[in-house]
Amino acid sequence: MYIAKNNRMFYALLIAISVQSVGVFALIQAGLLTYEAGAFPWLGTVIGGYIFGLGIVLAGGCATGTWYRAGEGLIGSWIALFTYMVMSAVMRSPHASGLNQTLQHYSTEHNSIAETFNLSVWPLVTVLLVITLLVVMKELKKPKLKVATLPPRRTGIAHILFEKRWHPFVTAVLIGLIALLAWPLSEATGRMFGLGITSPTANILQFLVAGDVKYINWGVFLVLGIFVGSFIAAKASREFRVRAADAQTTLRSGLGGVLMGFGASIAGGCSIGNGLVMTAMMTWQGWIGLVFMILGVWTASWLVYVRPQRKARLATAAAN
């Protein structure tokens, strides 16, 4: 949003959150799901969300983006994924328990926004739906820009899946439905949550080190599925390439993975866990975490991209 001056992808996120929120709370009201928001660890959420946002820019993508870009063959994303995995696992080890416990002390009683104000959750969901509908309608009324495309090489389903550009809002609805389905599917295996990336990513390394099958769960198969799915899509669309990055980008990717693993661990979630799922559950952790992730992304974008470009323009102007 900061560099491109375009809010379309944020509006798409609101659509995905809205679809999931309506569906999950309907399932809860029907007695098909149970969920307790618990306390709100505000300090960890604020600090962790901001650090995670910094890491997104350095790594070249969020936690989920790192998984699917690794599947597309980007070596920088492989490095970011590895450091993200290591740091996420370290933050779940006894060595980091002191820091996590300290941050947990700074909590408020209610994580649920509805419980904080002694309200039903449905007025909050309604407000979200109205806001989302208004911004989406406003966005759709804007003149459409023509995007240059290559002649299609395929027809039918293959063209739709691997060549056709999907509208972000259509994709957002599908992601919202996937996020909704994740709740009952995950709960059926004993995991009481929706989509999540950081804990399953850490679980993979914990399993490889300890060899304990308790670390293999629904979330692990989810993240492995993202990797395999992105690889298949990249190969089918002829976009898979093993692409090495320069030294500076490689170092940034590694550092970005570390920051994302650390930030998501102390915030209690990443851009999916907090930004997509906990927001849909109408929690302080989700919405405040999302705000500080965005602030972190803006800060890193200014440091990495905006400031160097301004300095280069000033230097060019001075030379002329």
C-alpha atoms as a PDB file:
ATOM      1  CA  MET A   1       0.000   0.000   0.000  1.00  0.00           C
ATOM      2  CA  TYR A   2       2.814   2.393   0.933  1.00  0.00           C
ATOM      3  CA  ILE A   3       4.951   2.177  -2.202  1.00  0.00           C
ATOM      4  CA  ALA A   4       2.327   1.260  -4.805  1.00  0.00           C
ATOM      5  CA  LYS A   5      -0.280   3.675  -3.361  1.00  0.00           C
ATOM      6  CA  ASN A   6      -2.876   0.998  -4.034  1.00  0.00           C
ATOM      7  CA  ASN A   7      -5.168  -0.545  -1.420  1.00  0.00           C
ATOM      8  CA  ARG A   8      -6.698  -3.263  -3.605  1.00  0.00           C
ATOM      9  CA  MET A   9      -4.821  -6.130  -1.930  1.00  0.00           C
ATOM     10  CA  PHE A  10      -5.776  -4.845   1.511  1.00  0.00           C
ATOM     11  CA  TYR A  11      -9.406  -4.775   0.430  1.00  0.00           C
ATOM     12  CA  ALA A  12      -8.971  -8.354  -0.779  1.00  0.00           C
ATOM     13  CA  LEU A  13      -7.707  -9.257   2.690  1.00  0.00           C
ATOM     14  CA  LEU A  14     -10.840  -7.716   4.205  1.00  0.00           C
ATOM     15  CA  ILE A  15     -12.958  -9.896   1.913  1.00  0.00           C
ATOM     16  CA  ALA A  16     -11.157 -13.059   3.021  1.00  0.00           C
ATOM     17  CA  ILE A  17     -11.476 -12.047   6.678  1.00  0.00           C
ATOM     18  CA  SER A  18     -15.193 -11.286   6.260  1.00  0.00           C
ATOM     19  CA  VAL A  19     -16.015 -14.586   4.552  1.00  0.00           C
ATOM     20  CA  GLN A  20     -14.191 -16.541   7.224  1.00  0.00           C
ATOM     21  CA  SER A  21     -15.661 -14.524  10.092  1.00  0.00           C
ATOM     22  CA  VAL A  22     -19.279 -15.033   9.031  1.00  0.00           C
ATOM     23  CA  GLY A  23     -18.751 -18.737   8.432  1.00  0.00           C
ATOM     24  CA  VAL A  24     -16.836 -19.537  11.609  1.00  0.00           C
ATOM     25  CA  PHE A  25     -19.173 -17.667  13.941  1.00  0.00           C
ATOM     26  CA  ALA A  26     -22.145 -19.334  12.237  1.00  0.00           C
ATOM     27  CA  LEU A  27     -20.549 -22.724  12.957  1.00  0.00           C
ATOM     28  CA  ILE A  28     -19.861 -21.702  16.553  1.00  0.00           C
ATOM     29  CA  GLN A  29     -23.450 -20.534  17.024  1.00  0.00           C
ATOM     30  CA  ALA A  30     -24.683 -23.828  15.568  1.00  0.00           C
ATOM     31  CA  GLY A  31     -22.601 -25.697  18.139  1.00  0.00           C
ATOM     32  CA  LEU A  32     -20.329 -27.269  15.535  1.00  0.00           C
ATOM     33  CA  LEU A  33     -17.178 -25.473  16.695  1.00  0.00           C
ATOM     34  CA  THR A  34     -15.817 -24.250  20.002  1.00  0.00           C
ATOM     35  CA  TYR A  35     -13.394 -21.374  20.433  1.00  0.00           C
ATOM     36  CA  GLU A  36     -12.064 -19.406  23.389  1.00  0.00           C
ATOM     37  CA  ALA A  37     -10.100 -16.236  22.600  1.00  0.00           C
ATOM     38  CA  GLY A  38      -8.373 -16.156  25.993  1.00  0.00           C
ATOM     39  CA  ALA A  39      -6.270 -13.248  27.230  1.00  0.00           C
ATOM     40  CA  PHE A  40      -4.678 -10.573  25.046  1.00  0.00           C
ATOM     41  CA  PRO A  41      -0.840 -10.499  25.270  1.00  0.00           C
ATOM     42  CA  TRP A  42      -0.646  -6.903  24.093  1.00  0.00           C
ATOM     43  CA  LEU A  43       3.095  -6.288  24.468  1.00  0.00           C
ATOM     44  CA  GLY A  44       4.125  -9.390  22.553  1.00  0.00           C
ATOM     45  CA  THR A  45       1.532  -8.664  19.873  1.00  0.00           C
ATOM     46  CA  VAL A  46       2.741  -5.093  19.334  1.00  0.00           C
ATOM     47  CA  ILE A  47       6.483  -5.834  19.353  1.00  0.00           C
ATOM     48  CA  GLY A  48       6.185  -9.116  17.490  1.00  0.00           C
ATOM     49  CA  GLY A  49       3.835  -7.756  14.848  1.00  0.00           C
ATOM     50  CA  TYR A  50       6.151  -4.839  14.104  1.00  0.00           C
ATOM     51  CA  ILE A  51       9.246  -7.063  13.891  1.00  0.00           C
ATOM     52  CA  PHE A  52       7.392  -9.519  11.678  1.00  0.00           C
ATOM     53  CA  GLY A  53       6.472  -6.644   9.348  1.00  0.00           C
ATOM     54  CA  LEU A  54      10.132  -5.653   9.071  1.00  0.00           C
ATOM     55  CA  GLY A  55      10.988  -9.235   8.220  1.00  0.00           C
ATOM     56  CA  ILE A  56       8.376  -9.436   5.453  1.00  0.00           C
ATOM     57  CA  VAL A  57      10.143  -6.779   3.398  1.00  0.00           C
ATOM     58  CA  LEU A  58      13.635  -8.154   3.974  1.00  0.00           C
ATOM     59  CA  ALA A  59      12.567 -11.724   3.184  1.00  0.00           C
ATOM     60  CA  GLY A  60      10.678 -10.643   0.070  1.00  0.00           C
ATOM     61  CA  GLY A  61       7.359 -11.997   1.298  1.00  0.00           C
ATOM     62  CA  CYS A  62       5.401 -13.034   4.373  1.00  0.00           C
ATOM     63  CA  ALA A  63       5.493 -16.503   5.933  1.00  0.00           C
ATOM     64  CA  THR A  64       3.049 -17.987   3.429  1.00  0.00           C
ATOM     65  CA  GLY A  65       4.684 -16.098   0.569  1.00  0.00           C
ATOM     66  CA  THR A  66       8.051 -17.533   1.551  1.00  0.00           C
ATOM     67  CA  TRP A  67       6.656 -21.069   1.364  1.00  0.00           C
ATOM     68  CA  TYR A  68       5.093 -20.662  -2.076  1.00  0.00           C
ATOM     69  CA  ARG A  69       7.993 -18.647  -3.519  1.00  0.00           C
ATOM     70  CA  ALA A  70      10.330 -21.403  -2.362  1.00  0.00           C
ATOM     71  CA  GLY A  71       8.148 -23.804  -4.339  1.00  0.00           C
ATOM     72  CA  GLU A  72       8.650 -21.583  -7.396  1.00  0.00           C
ATOM     73  CA  GLY A  73      12.433 -22.044  -7.180  1.00  0.00           C
ATOM     74  CA  LEU A  74      13.638 -18.796  -5.567  1.00  0.00           C
ATOM     75  CA  ILE A  75      16.805 -19.594  -3.628  1.00  0.00           C
ATOM     76  CA  GLY A  76      16.430 -16.403  -1.593  1.00  0.00           C
ATOM     77  CA  SER A  77      13.075 -17.718  -0.384  1.00  0.00           C
ATOM     78  CA  TRP A  78      14.654 -21.075   0.474  1.00  0.00           C
ATOM     79  CA  ILE A  79      17.120 -19.243   2.688  1.00  0.00           C
ATOM     80  CA  ALA A  80      14.393 -17.111   4.266  1.00  0.00           C
ATOM     81  CA  LEU A  81      12.294 -20.238   4.848  1.00  0.00           C
ATOM     82  CA  PHE A  82      15.186 -22.031   6.542  1.00  0.00           C
ATOM     83  CA  THR A  83      16.015 -19.167   8.920  1.00  0.00           C
ATOM     84  CA  TYR A  84      12.310 -18.626   9.588  1.00  0.00           C
ATOM     85  CA  MET A  85      11.936 -22.305  10.433  1.00  0.00           C
ATOM     86  CA  VAL A  86      15.001 -22.325  12.704  1.00  0.00           C
ATOM     87  CA  MET A  87      14.021 -19.182  14.618  1.00  0.00           C
ATOM     88  CA  SER A  88      10.424 -20.367  15.011  1.00  0.00           C
ATOM     89  CA  ALA A  89      11.679 -23.643  16.490  1.00  0.00           C
ATOM     90  CA  VAL A  90      14.189 -21.879  18.752  1.00  0.00           C
ATOM     91  CA  MET A  91      11.441 -19.632  20.122  1.00  0.00           C
ATOM     92  CA  ARG A  92       9.506 -22.760  21.124  1.00  0.00           C
ATOM     93  CA  SER A  93      12.464 -24.322  22.941  1.00  0.00           C
ATOM     94  CA  PRO A  94      13.050 -24.156  26.724  1.00  0.00           C
ATOM     95  CA  HIS A  95      15.879 -21.694  26.076  1.00  0.00           C
ATOM     96  CA  ALA A  96      13.398 -19.014  24.966  1.00  0.00           C
ATOM     97  CA  SER A  97      10.674 -19.841  27.471  1.00  0.00           C
ATOM     98  CA  GLY A  98      11.763 -17.030  29.801  1.00  0.00           C
ATOM     99  CA  LEU A  99      11.214 -14.346  27.160  1.00  0.00           C
ATOM    100  CA  ASN A 100       7.862 -15.770  26.135  1.00  0.00           C
ATOM    101  CA  GLN A 101       6.672 -15.993  29.737  1.00  0.00           C
ATOM    102  CA  THR A 102       7.800 -12.431  30.450  1.00  0.00           C
ATOM    103  CA  LEU A 103       5.840 -11.078  27.506  1.00  0.00           C
ATOM    104  CA  GLN A 104       2.787 -13.135  28.489  1.00  0.00           C
ATOM    105  CA  HIS A 105       2.672 -11.275  31.809  1.00  0.00           C
ATOM    106  CA  TYR A 106       1.719  -8.105  29.923  1.00  0.00           C
ATOM    107  CA  SER A 107      -1.806  -9.189  29.050  1.00  0.00           C
ATOM    108  CA  THR A 108      -5.366  -7.996  29.427  1.00  0.00           C
ATOM    109  CA  GLU A 109      -8.179 -10.275  30.524  1.00  0.00           C
ATOM    110  CA  HIS A 110     -10.151 -10.347  27.285  1.00  0.00           C
ATOM    111  CA  ASN A 111      -8.735 -10.973  23.841  1.00  0.00           C
ATOM    112  CA  SER A 112     -12.211 -10.998  22.322  1.00  0.00           C
ATOM    113  CA  ILE A 113     -13.349  -7.499  21.351  1.00  0.00           C
ATOM    114  CA  ALA A 114     -16.981  -8.513  21.905  1.00  0.00           C
ATOM    115  CA  GLU A 115     -16.275  -9.780  25.433  1.00  0.00           C
ATOM    116  CA  THR A 116     -14.368  -6.598  26.258  1.00  0.00           C
ATOM    117  CA  PHE A 117     -17.491  -4.515  25.634  1.00  0.00           C
ATOM    118  CA  ASN A 118     -19.948  -7.229  26.741  1.00  0.00           C
ATOM    119  CA  LEU A 119     -21.490  -7.437  23.275  1.00  0.00           C
ATOM    120  CA  SER A 120     -22.581 -10.118  20.870  1.00  0.00           C
ATOM    121  CA  VAL A 121     -19.984 -10.692  18.180  1.00  0.00           C
ATOM    122  CA  TRP A 122     -22.499 -10.220  15.360  1.00  0.00           C
ATOM    123  CA  PRO A 123     -22.632  -6.386  15.470  1.00  0.00           C
ATOM    124  CA  LEU A 124     -18.843  -6.375  15.015  1.00  0.00           C
ATOM    125  CA  VAL A 125     -19.092  -8.813  12.119  1.00  0.00           C
ATOM    126  CA  THR A 126     -21.811  -6.631  10.581  1.00  0.00           C
ATOM    127  CA  VAL A 127     -19.616  -3.529  10.817  1.00  0.00           C
ATOM    128  CA  LEU A 128     -16.784  -5.430   9.129  1.00  0.00           C
ATOM    129  CA  LEU A 129     -19.108  -6.580   6.347  1.00  0.00           C
ATOM    130  CA  VAL A 130     -20.442  -3.069   5.728  1.00  0.00           C
ATOM    131  CA  ILE A 131     -16.957  -1.534   5.605  1.00  0.00           C
ATOM    132  CA  THR A 132     -15.720  -4.291   3.310  1.00  0.00           C
ATOM    133  CA  LEU A 133     -18.711  -3.926   0.991  1.00  0.00           C
ATOM    134  CA  LEU A 134     -18.272  -0.148   0.754  1.00  0.00           C
ATOM    135  CA  VAL A 135     -14.550  -0.217  -0.062  1.00  0.00           C
ATOM    136  CA  VAL A 136     -14.992  -3.070  -2.546  1.00  0.00           C
ATOM    137  CA  MET A 137     -17.815  -1.276  -4.376  1.00  0.00           C
ATOM    138  CA  LYS A 138     -15.735   1.897  -4.510  1.00  0.00           C
ATOM    139  CA  GLU A 139     -12.764  -0.038  -5.886  1.00  0.00           C
ATOM    140  CA  LEU A 140     -14.834  -1.825  -8.530  1.00  0.00           C
ATOM    141  CA  LYS A 141     -16.205   1.497  -9.809  1.00  0.00           C
ATOM    142  CA  LYS A 142     -12.721   2.693 -10.733  1.00  0.00           C
ATOM    143  CA  PRO A 143     -11.811   2.590 -14.450  1.00  0.00           C
ATOM    144  CA  LYS A 144     -10.210  -0.703 -15.409  1.00  0.00           C
ATOM    145  CA  LEU A 145      -6.619  -0.530 -16.574  1.00  0.00           C
ATOM    146  CA  LYS A 146      -5.731  -2.683 -19.535  1.00  0.00           C
ATOM    147  CA  VAL A 147      -3.020  -5.201 -18.699  1.00  0.00           C
ATOM    148  CA  ALA A 148      -0.880  -6.595 -21.491  1.00  0.00           C
ATOM    149  CA  THR A 149      -1.190 -10.375 -21.750  1.00  0.00           C
ATOM    150  CA  LEU A 150       0.358 -13.051 -23.927  1.00  0.00           C
ATOM    151  CA  PRO A 151      -1.834 -15.107 -26.262  1.00  0.00           C
ATOM    152  CA  PRO A 152      -3.206 -18.138 -24.367  1.00  0.00           C
ATOM    153  CA  ARG A 153      -1.477 -21.442 -25.072  1.00  0.00           C
ATOM    154  CA  ARG A 154      -4.097 -23.579 -23.364  1.00  0.00           C
ATOM    155  CA  THR A 155      -7.845 -23.915 -23.184  1.00  0.00           C
ATOM    156  CA  GLY A 156     -10.437 -25.010 -20.655  1.00  0.00           C
ATOM    157  CA  ILE A 157      -9.481 -25.745 -17.052  1.00  0.00           C
ATOM    158  CA  ALA A 158      -5.752 -25.662 -17.804  1.00  0.00           C
ATOM    159  CA  HIS A 159      -6.069 -22.094 -19.090  1.00  0.00           C
ATOM    160  CA  ILE A 160      -8.132 -21.002 -16.072  1.00  0.00           C
ATOM    161  CA  LEU A 161      -5.785 -22.588 -13.530  1.00  0.00           C
ATOM    162  CA  PHE A 162      -2.382 -21.844 -15.018  1.00  0.00           C
ATOM    163  CA  GLU A 163      -2.681 -18.889 -17.409  1.00  0.00           C
ATOM    164  CA  LYS A 164      -5.711 -16.728 -16.699  1.00  0.00           C
ATOM    165  CA  ARG A 165      -5.182 -13.840 -14.285  1.00  0.00           C
ATOM    166  CA  TRP A 166      -7.653 -14.105 -11.425  1.00  0.00           C
ATOM    167  CA  HIS A 167      -9.228 -10.985  -9.973  1.00  0.00           C
ATOM    168  CA  PRO A 168      -7.875 -10.393  -6.440  1.00  0.00           C
ATOM    169  CA  PHE A 169     -11.392 -10.198  -5.017  1.00  0.00           C
ATOM    170  CA  VAL A 170     -12.381 -13.575  -6.489  1.00  0.00           C
ATOM    171  CA  THR A 171      -9.210 -15.091  -5.084  1.00  0.00           C
ATOM    172  CA  ALA A 172      -9.969 -13.480  -1.719  1.00  0.00           C
ATOM    173  CA  VAL A 173     -13.376 -15.174  -1.563  1.00  0.00           C
ATOM    174  CA  LEU A 174     -11.743 -18.541  -2.275  1.00  0.00           C
ATOM    175  CA  ILE A 175      -9.095 -17.950   0.394  1.00  0.00           C
ATOM    176  CA  GLY A 176     -11.820 -16.992   2.860  1.00  0.00           C
ATOM    177  CA  LEU A 177     -13.643 -20.255   2.112  1.00  0.00           C
ATOM    178  CA  ILE A 178     -10.421 -22.247   2.528  1.00  0.00           C
ATOM    179  CA  ALA A 179      -9.782 -20.489   5.842  1.00  0.00           C
ATOM    180  CA  LEU A 180     -13.322 -21.357   6.906  1.00  0.00           C
ATOM    181  CA  LEU A 181     -12.977 -25.031   5.961  1.00  0.00           C
ATOM    182  CA  ALA A 182      -9.690 -25.199   7.850  1.00  0.00           C
ATOM    183  CA  TRP A 183     -11.543 -24.881  11.170  1.00  0.00           C
ATOM    184  CA  PRO A 184     -13.695 -28.040  11.068  1.00  0.00           C
ATOM    185  CA  LEU A 185     -11.050 -30.017   9.174  1.00  0.00           C
ATOM    186  CA  SER A 186      -8.365 -29.088  11.689  1.00  0.00           C
ATOM    187  CA  GLU A 187     -10.623 -29.583  14.700  1.00  0.00           C
ATOM    188  CA  ALA A 188     -11.448 -33.089  13.466  1.00  0.00           C
ATOM    189  CA  THR A 189      -7.783 -33.979  14.074  1.00  0.00           C
ATOM    190  CA  GLY A 190      -7.726 -32.440  17.549  1.00  0.00           C
ATOM    191  CA  ARG A 191      -6.149 -29.127  16.536  1.00  0.00           C
ATOM    192  CA  MET A 192      -8.511 -26.370  17.672  1.00  0.00           C
ATOM    193  CA  PHE A 193      -7.631 -23.571  15.257  1.00  0.00           C
ATOM    194  CA  GLY A 194      -7.850 -22.480  11.649  1.00  0.00           C
ATOM    195  CA  LEU A 195      -5.046 -21.747   9.208  1.00  0.00           C
ATOM    196  CA  GLY A 196      -1.601 -21.305  10.729  1.00  0.00           C
ATOM    197  CA  ILE A 197       1.925 -21.163   9.345  1.00  0.00           C
ATOM    198  CA  THR A 198       4.508 -20.446  12.055  1.00  0.00           C
ATOM    199  CA  SER A 199       3.850 -23.294  14.495  1.00  0.00           C
ATOM    200  CA  PRO A 200       3.621 -25.944  11.733  1.00  0.00           C
ATOM    201  CA  THR A 201       6.825 -24.590  10.187  1.00  0.00           C
ATOM    202  CA  ALA A 202       8.599 -24.947  13.528  1.00  0.00           C
ATOM    203  CA  ASN A 203       7.058 -28.400  13.993  1.00  0.00           C
ATOM    204  CA  ILE A 204       8.766 -29.650  10.830  1.00  0.00           C
ATOM    205  CA  LEU A 205      12.224 -28.841  12.182  1.00  0.00           C
ATOM    206  CA  GLN A 206      11.307 -30.153  15.630  1.00  0.00           C
ATOM    207  CA  PHE A 207      10.273 -33.452  14.056  1.00  0.00           C
ATOM    208  CA  LEU A 208      13.458 -33.675  11.985  1.00  0.00           C
ATOM    209  CA  VAL A 209      15.614 -33.050  15.073  1.00  0.00           C
ATOM    210  CA  ALA A 210      13.710 -35.025  17.713  1.00  0.00           C
ATOM    211  CA  GLY A 211      12.064 -37.640  15.516  1.00  0.00           C
ATOM    212  CA  ASP A 212       8.893 -37.388  17.602  1.00  0.00           C
ATOM    213  CA  VAL A 213       5.690 -37.933  15.629  1.00  0.00           C
ATOM    214  CA  LYS A 214       3.781 -35.655  18.015  1.00  0.00           C
ATOM    215  CA  TYR A 215       5.089 -32.761  15.918  1.00  0.00           C
ATOM    216  CA  ILE A 216       3.341 -34.076  12.790  1.00  0.00           C
ATOM    217  CA  ASN A 217      -0.108 -32.532  12.662  1.00  0.00           C
ATOM    218  CA  TRP A 218      -2.709 -31.012  10.366  1.00  0.00           C
ATOM    219  CA  GLY A 219      -0.787 -27.739  10.139  1.00  0.00           C
ATOM    220  CA  VAL A 220       2.400 -29.475   8.995  1.00  0.00           C
ATOM    221  CA  PHE A 221       0.583 -31.052   6.064  1.00  0.00           C
ATOM    222  CA  LEU A 222      -0.952 -27.641   5.315  1.00  0.00           C
ATOM    223  CA  VAL A 223       2.397 -25.876   4.861  1.00  0.00           C
ATOM    224  CA  LEU A 224       3.867 -28.814   2.954  1.00  0.00           C
ATOM    225  CA  GLY A 225       0.800 -28.672   0.728  1.00  0.00           C
ATOM    226  CA  ILE A 226       1.447 -24.980   0.036  1.00  0.00           C
ATOM    227  CA  PHE A 227       4.988 -25.824  -1.068  1.00  0.00           C
ATOM    228  CA  VAL A 228       3.940 -28.758  -3.260  1.00  0.00           C
ATOM    229  CA  GLY A 229       0.995 -26.847  -4.709  1.00  0.00           C
ATOM    230  CA  SER A 230       3.114 -23.838  -5.639  1.00  0.00           C
ATOM    231  CA  PHE A 231       5.697 -26.132  -7.246  1.00  0.00           C
ATOM    232  CA  ILE A 232       3.025 -27.877  -9.335  1.00  0.00           C
ATOM    233  CA  ALA A 233       1.467 -24.549 -10.336  1.00  0.00           C
ATOM    234  CA  ALA A 234       4.857 -23.076 -11.265  1.00  0.00           C
ATOM    235  CA  LYS A 235       5.794 -26.107 -13.361  1.00  0.00           C
ATOM    236  CA  ALA A 236       2.393 -26.267 -15.056  1.00  0.00           C
ATOM    237  CA  SER A 237       2.496 -22.551 -15.909  1.00  0.00           C
ATOM    238  CA  ARG A 238       6.141 -22.832 -17.040  1.00  0.00           C
ATOM    239  CA  GLU A 239       7.245 -20.309 -14.417  1.00  0.00           C
ATOM    240  CA  PHE A 240       9.430 -22.586 -12.295  1.00  0.00           C
ATOM    241  CA  ARG A 241      13.051 -21.478 -12.314  1.00  0.00           C
ATOM    242  CA  VAL A 242      15.839 -22.057  -9.826  1.00  0.00           C
ATOM    243  CA  ARG A 243      16.900 -18.446  -9.411  1.00  0.00           C
ATOM    244  CA  ALA A 244      19.852 -17.376  -7.303  1.00  0.00           C
ATOM    245  CA  ALA A 245      19.976 -13.934  -5.709  1.00  0.00           C
ATOM    246  CA  ASP A 246      22.928 -11.593  -5.258  1.00  0.00           C
ATOM    247  CA  ALA A 247      24.832 -11.502  -1.977  1.00  0.00           C
ATOM    248  CA  GLN A 248      22.939  -8.510  -0.551  1.00  0.00           C
ATOM    249  CA  THR A 249      19.530 -10.018  -1.304  1.00  0.00           C
ATOM    250  CA  THR A 250      20.655 -13.357   0.142  1.00  0.00           C
ATOM    251  CA  LEU A 251      21.691 -11.727   3.414  1.00  0.00           C
ATOM    252  CA  ARG A 252      18.457  -9.760   3.557  1.00  0.00           C
ATOM    253  CA  SER A 253      16.434 -12.918   2.976  1.00  0.00           C
ATOM    254  CA  GLY A 254      18.204 -14.739   5.794  1.00  0.00           C
ATOM    255  CA  LEU A 255      17.737 -11.834   8.192  1.00  0.00           C
ATOM    256  CA  GLY A 256      14.112 -11.445   7.118  1.00  0.00           C
ATOM    257  CA  GLY A 257      13.425 -15.080   7.947  1.00  0.00           C
ATOM    258  CA  VAL A 258      14.946 -14.636  11.408  1.00  0.00           C
ATOM    259  CA  LEU A 259      12.839 -11.540  12.091  1.00  0.00           C
ATOM    260  CA  MET A 260       9.656 -13.234  10.877  1.00  0.00           C
ATOM    261  CA  GLY A 261      10.268 -16.320  13.022  1.00  0.00           C
ATOM    262  CA  PHE A 262      11.025 -14.230  16.099  1.00  0.00           C
ATOM    263  CA  GLY A 263       8.220 -11.729  15.546  1.00  0.00           C
ATOM    264  CA  ALA A 264       5.507 -14.276  14.790  1.00  0.00           C
ATOM    265  CA  SER A 265       6.478 -16.343  17.824  1.00  0.00           C
ATOM    266  CA  ILE A 266       6.177 -13.541  20.353  1.00  0.00           C
ATOM    267  CA  ALA A 267       3.129 -12.027  18.609  1.00  0.00           C
ATOM    268  CA  GLY A 268       1.281 -15.332  18.721  1.00  0.00           C
ATOM    269  CA  GLY A 269       0.816 -15.464  14.966  1.00  0.00           C
ATOM    270  CA  CYS A 270       2.022 -14.347  11.548  1.00  0.00           C
ATOM    271  CA  SER A 271       0.207 -12.622   8.696  1.00  0.00           C
ATOM    272  CA  ILE A 272      -2.056 -15.682   8.492  1.00  0.00           C
ATOM    273  CA  GLY A 273      -2.490 -16.595  12.167  1.00  0.00           C
ATOM    274  CA  ASN A 274      -3.055 -13.013  13.301  1.00  0.00           C
ATOM    275  CA  GLY A 275      -3.685 -11.109  10.080  1.00  0.00           C
ATOM    276  CA  LEU A 276      -6.265 -13.477   8.578  1.00  0.00           C
ATOM    277  CA  VAL A 277      -7.548 -15.803  11.302  1.00  0.00           C
ATOM    278  CA  MET A 278      -7.475 -13.853  14.574  1.00  0.00           C
ATOM    279  CA  THR A 279      -8.914 -10.793  12.832  1.00  0.00           C
ATOM    280  CA  ALA A 280     -11.823 -12.929  11.627  1.00  0.00           C
ATOM    281  CA  MET A 281     -12.319 -14.078  15.224  1.00  0.00           C
ATOM    282  CA  MET A 282     -12.724 -10.415  16.231  1.00  0.00           C
ATOM    283  CA  THR A 283      -9.795 -10.364  18.652  1.00  0.00           C
ATOM    284  CA  TRP A 284      -7.553  -7.531  19.768  1.00  0.00           C
ATOM    285  CA  GLN A 285      -4.560  -9.728  18.982  1.00  0.00           C
ATOM    286  CA  GLY A 286      -5.615 -10.060  15.366  1.00  0.00           C
ATOM    287  CA  TRP A 287      -6.447  -6.443  14.559  1.00  0.00           C
ATOM    288  CA  ILE A 288      -3.698  -4.783  16.606  1.00  0.00           C
ATOM    289  CA  GLY A 289      -1.195  -7.336  15.345  1.00  0.00           C
ATOM    290  CA  LEU A 290      -2.240  -6.561  11.765  1.00  0.00           C
ATOM    291  CA  VAL A 291      -1.821  -2.812  12.321  1.00  0.00           C
ATOM    292  CA  PHE A 292       1.712  -3.222  13.663  1.00  0.00           C
ATOM    293  CA  MET A 293       2.633  -5.646  10.881  1.00  0.00           C
ATOM    294  CA  ILE A 294       1.616  -2.970   8.376  1.00  0.00           C
ATOM    295  CA  LEU A 295       3.652  -0.360  10.265  1.00  0.00           C
ATOM    296  CA  GLY A 296       6.653  -2.686  10.201  1.00  0.00           C
ATOM    297  CA  VAL A 297       6.261  -3.235   6.460  1.00  0.00           C
ATOM    298  CA  TRP A 298       6.033   0.515   5.864  1.00  0.00           C
ATOM    299  CA  THR A 299       9.131   1.177   7.971  1.00  0.00           C
ATOM    300  CA  ALA A 300      11.227  -1.442   6.201  1.00  0.00           C
ATOM    301  CA  SER A 301       9.927  -0.347   2.788  1.00  0.00           C
ATOM    302  CA  TRP A 302      11.060   3.200   3.510  1.00  0.00           C
ATOM    303  CA  LEU A 303      14.488   2.068   4.697  1.00  0.00           C
ATOM    304  CA  VAL A 304      15.114  -0.476   1.939  1.00  0.00           C
ATOM    305  CA  TYR A 305      13.447   1.142  -1.078  1.00  0.00           C
ATOM    306  CA  VAL A 306      12.163   4.695  -0.607  1.00  0.00           C
ATOM    307  CA  ARG A 307      15.124   6.299   1.149  1.00  0.00           C
ATOM    308  CA  PRO A 308      17.790   4.890  -1.235  1.00  0.00           C
ATOM    309  CA  GLN A 309      15.738   6.027  -4.238  1.00  0.00           C
ATOM    310  CA  ARG A 310      15.402   9.528  -2.814  1.00  0.00           C
ATOM    311  CA  LYS A 311      19.120   9.706  -2.116  1.00  0.00           C
ATOM    312  CA  ALA A 312      19.868   8.561  -5.658  1.00  0.00           C
ATOM    313  CA  ARG A 313      17.559  11.213  -7.128  1.00  0.00           C
ATOM    314  CA  LEU A 314      19.112  13.932  -4.971  1.00  0.00           C
ATOM    315  CA  ALA A 315      22.605  12.824  -5.961  1.00  0.00           C
ATOM    316  CA  THR A 316      21.647  12.872  -9.638  1.00  0.00           C
ATOM    317  CA  ALA A 317      20.076  16.317  -9.302  1.00  0.00           C
ATOM    318  CA  ALA A 318      23.170  17.652  -7.518  1.00  0.00           C
ATOM    319  CA  ALA A 319      25.455  16.226 -10.197  1.00  0.00           C
ATOM    320  CA  ASN A 320      23.457  17.970 -12.906  1.00  0.00           C
END
